[in-house]
Amino acid sequence: MALFLGSDYTLGIKGVGIVNSMEIVTAFESIDGLRRFKQWASKADVLLEDMSSHYRGISLKEKNYKDQHKNYKKHWEIPPDFPSERVINAYLTPNADNSTEPFHWG
C-alpha cells in the first residue's frame, strides 16, 4: 500500500487513496501484477489493442478492476519507477540494528 499512498521511500501515486490502493493490491497480487497495473493505467484505452487480447492471461480480479476503474485512471500520476523494487526490498528486508545491547539514550 505504501507504493500507492506514499511513504518515507516513495511519493506514491497521486490520485490513489486508501480504498483504491486496497482494491489494487487485491486485484494485482504480485510485482508482475503491479507492472501490468502500471502498463494498463499509463495507456489511454483507445491505445490498447483488441480488448480480448488485452485481457488474455490475466485474473478475473484484474479484469474486473480494470473494467470498473477505466475513468479513474485518467487522474492518476504514476511515478516512472513504479513499482520500485528498491522500495519493495526496503520493506521486505529492512536494514535494522540486530544488536542485543541494551538501548541507552545519548
Protein backbone atom coordinates (compact mmCIF):
# COMPACT_ATOMS: atom_id res chain seq x y z
CA MET A 1 0.00 0.00 0.00
CA ALA A 2 2.94 2.32 0.63
CA LEU A 3 3.74 2.16 -3.10
CA PHE A 4 0.34 3.76 -3.77
CA LEU A 5 -0.14 6.06 -0.78
CA GLY A 6 3.44 7.22 -0.31
CA SER A 7 5.94 6.64 2.47
CA ASP A 8 9.45 7.56 3.56
CA TYR A 9 10.71 5.77 0.44
CA THR A 10 8.30 6.89 -2.27
CA LEU A 11 5.79 9.62 -3.11
CA GLY A 12 3.10 7.16 -4.13
CA ILE A 13 0.57 7.59 -6.92
CA LYS A 14 -1.24 10.91 -6.92
CA GLY A 15 -4.99 10.29 -7.04
CA VAL A 16 -4.95 6.83 -5.44
CA GLY A 17 -6.30 6.68 -1.89
CA ILE A 18 -6.65 4.06 0.81
CA VAL A 19 -9.68 2.23 -0.60
CA ASN A 20 -8.37 2.19 -4.16
CA SER A 21 -4.92 1.02 -3.04
CA MET A 22 -6.54 -1.93 -1.23
CA GLU A 23 -8.51 -2.77 -4.37
CA ILE A 24 -5.33 -2.64 -6.48
CA VAL A 25 -3.35 -4.82 -4.06
CA THR A 26 -6.21 -7.33 -4.05
CA ALA A 27 -6.54 -7.43 -7.85
CA PHE A 28 -2.84 -7.27 -8.79
CA GLU A 29 -1.27 -9.72 -6.34
CA SER A 30 2.41 -9.71 -7.34
CA ILE A 31 5.20 -7.48 -8.58
CA ASP A 32 4.41 -8.64 -12.11
CA GLY A 33 0.77 -7.75 -11.43
CA LEU A 34 1.82 -4.26 -10.36
CA ARG A 35 3.79 -3.91 -13.59
CA ARG A 36 0.65 -4.90 -15.53
CA PHE A 37 -1.28 -2.34 -13.48
CA LYS A 38 1.18 0.40 -14.45
CA GLN A 39 1.09 -0.58 -18.12
CA TRP A 40 -2.71 -0.54 -18.13
CA ALA A 41 -3.04 2.66 -16.09
CA SER A 42 -0.46 4.52 -18.19
CA LYS A 43 -2.18 3.92 -21.53
CA ALA A 44 -5.30 5.54 -22.87
CA ASP A 45 -7.96 2.92 -23.55
CA VAL A 46 -8.00 3.88 -27.24
CA LEU A 47 -4.33 2.87 -27.46
CA LEU A 48 -4.99 -0.64 -26.18
CA GLU A 49 -5.31 -3.23 -28.90
CA ASP A 50 -8.19 -5.62 -29.21
CA MET A 51 -9.59 -5.85 -25.67
CA SER A 52 -9.93 -9.64 -25.83
CA SER A 53 -6.15 -9.94 -26.28
CA HIS A 54 -5.62 -7.29 -23.60
CA TYR A 55 -7.48 -9.42 -21.05
CA ARG A 56 -5.93 -12.73 -22.14
CA GLY A 57 -3.90 -14.37 -19.39
CA ILE A 58 -4.96 -12.09 -16.52
CA SER A 59 -7.02 -13.00 -13.49
CA LEU A 60 -10.71 -12.27 -13.21
CA LYS A 61 -9.89 -9.89 -10.34
CA GLU A 62 -7.62 -7.84 -12.63
CA LYS A 63 -10.21 -7.79 -15.42
CA ASN A 64 -12.96 -6.67 -13.04
CA TYR A 65 -10.75 -3.97 -11.55
CA LYS A 66 -9.83 -2.63 -14.99
CA ASP A 67 -13.47 -2.64 -16.11
CA GLN A 68 -14.57 -0.71 -13.02
CA HIS A 69 -11.76 1.89 -12.99
CA LYS A 70 -11.38 2.95 -16.64
CA ASN A 71 -12.31 6.56 -15.91
CA TYR A 72 -10.40 6.89 -12.64
CA LYS A 73 -7.03 6.10 -14.18
CA LYS A 74 -7.16 9.32 -16.20
CA HIS A 75 -6.47 11.26 -12.98
CA TRP A 76 -3.60 9.19 -11.59
CA GLU A 77 0.02 10.32 -11.76
CA ILE A 78 2.24 7.24 -11.70
CA PRO A 79 5.97 7.67 -10.97
CA PRO A 80 8.25 6.41 -13.74
CA ASP A 81 9.95 3.90 -11.42
CA PHE A 82 6.68 2.30 -10.21
CA PRO A 83 6.73 -0.38 -8.86
CA SER A 84 10.16 0.30 -7.43
CA GLU A 85 11.95 -2.89 -6.47
CA ARG A 86 14.20 -0.82 -4.19
CA VAL A 87 11.16 0.33 -2.21
CA ILE A 88 9.71 -3.18 -2.09
CA ASN A 89 13.04 -4.57 -0.88
CA ALA A 90 13.32 -1.83 1.75
CA TYR A 91 10.07 -3.12 3.28
CA LEU A 92 10.74 -6.82 2.80
CA THR A 93 14.33 -6.73 4.10
CA PRO A 94 14.69 -3.64 6.29
CA ASN A 95 18.13 -2.50 7.38
CA ALA A 96 17.66 -2.97 11.13
CA ASP A 97 20.04 -2.97 14.06
CA ASN A 98 20.43 -6.53 15.37
CA SER A 99 22.38 -5.52 18.44
CA THR A 100 21.49 -7.26 21.70
CA GLU A 101 22.99 -4.40 23.74
CA PRO A 102 20.51 -2.57 25.98
CA PHE A 103 19.35 0.72 24.48
CA HIS A 104 20.56 3.95 26.12
CA TRP A 105 19.53 7.46 25.23
CA GLY A 106 22.50 9.64 24.28
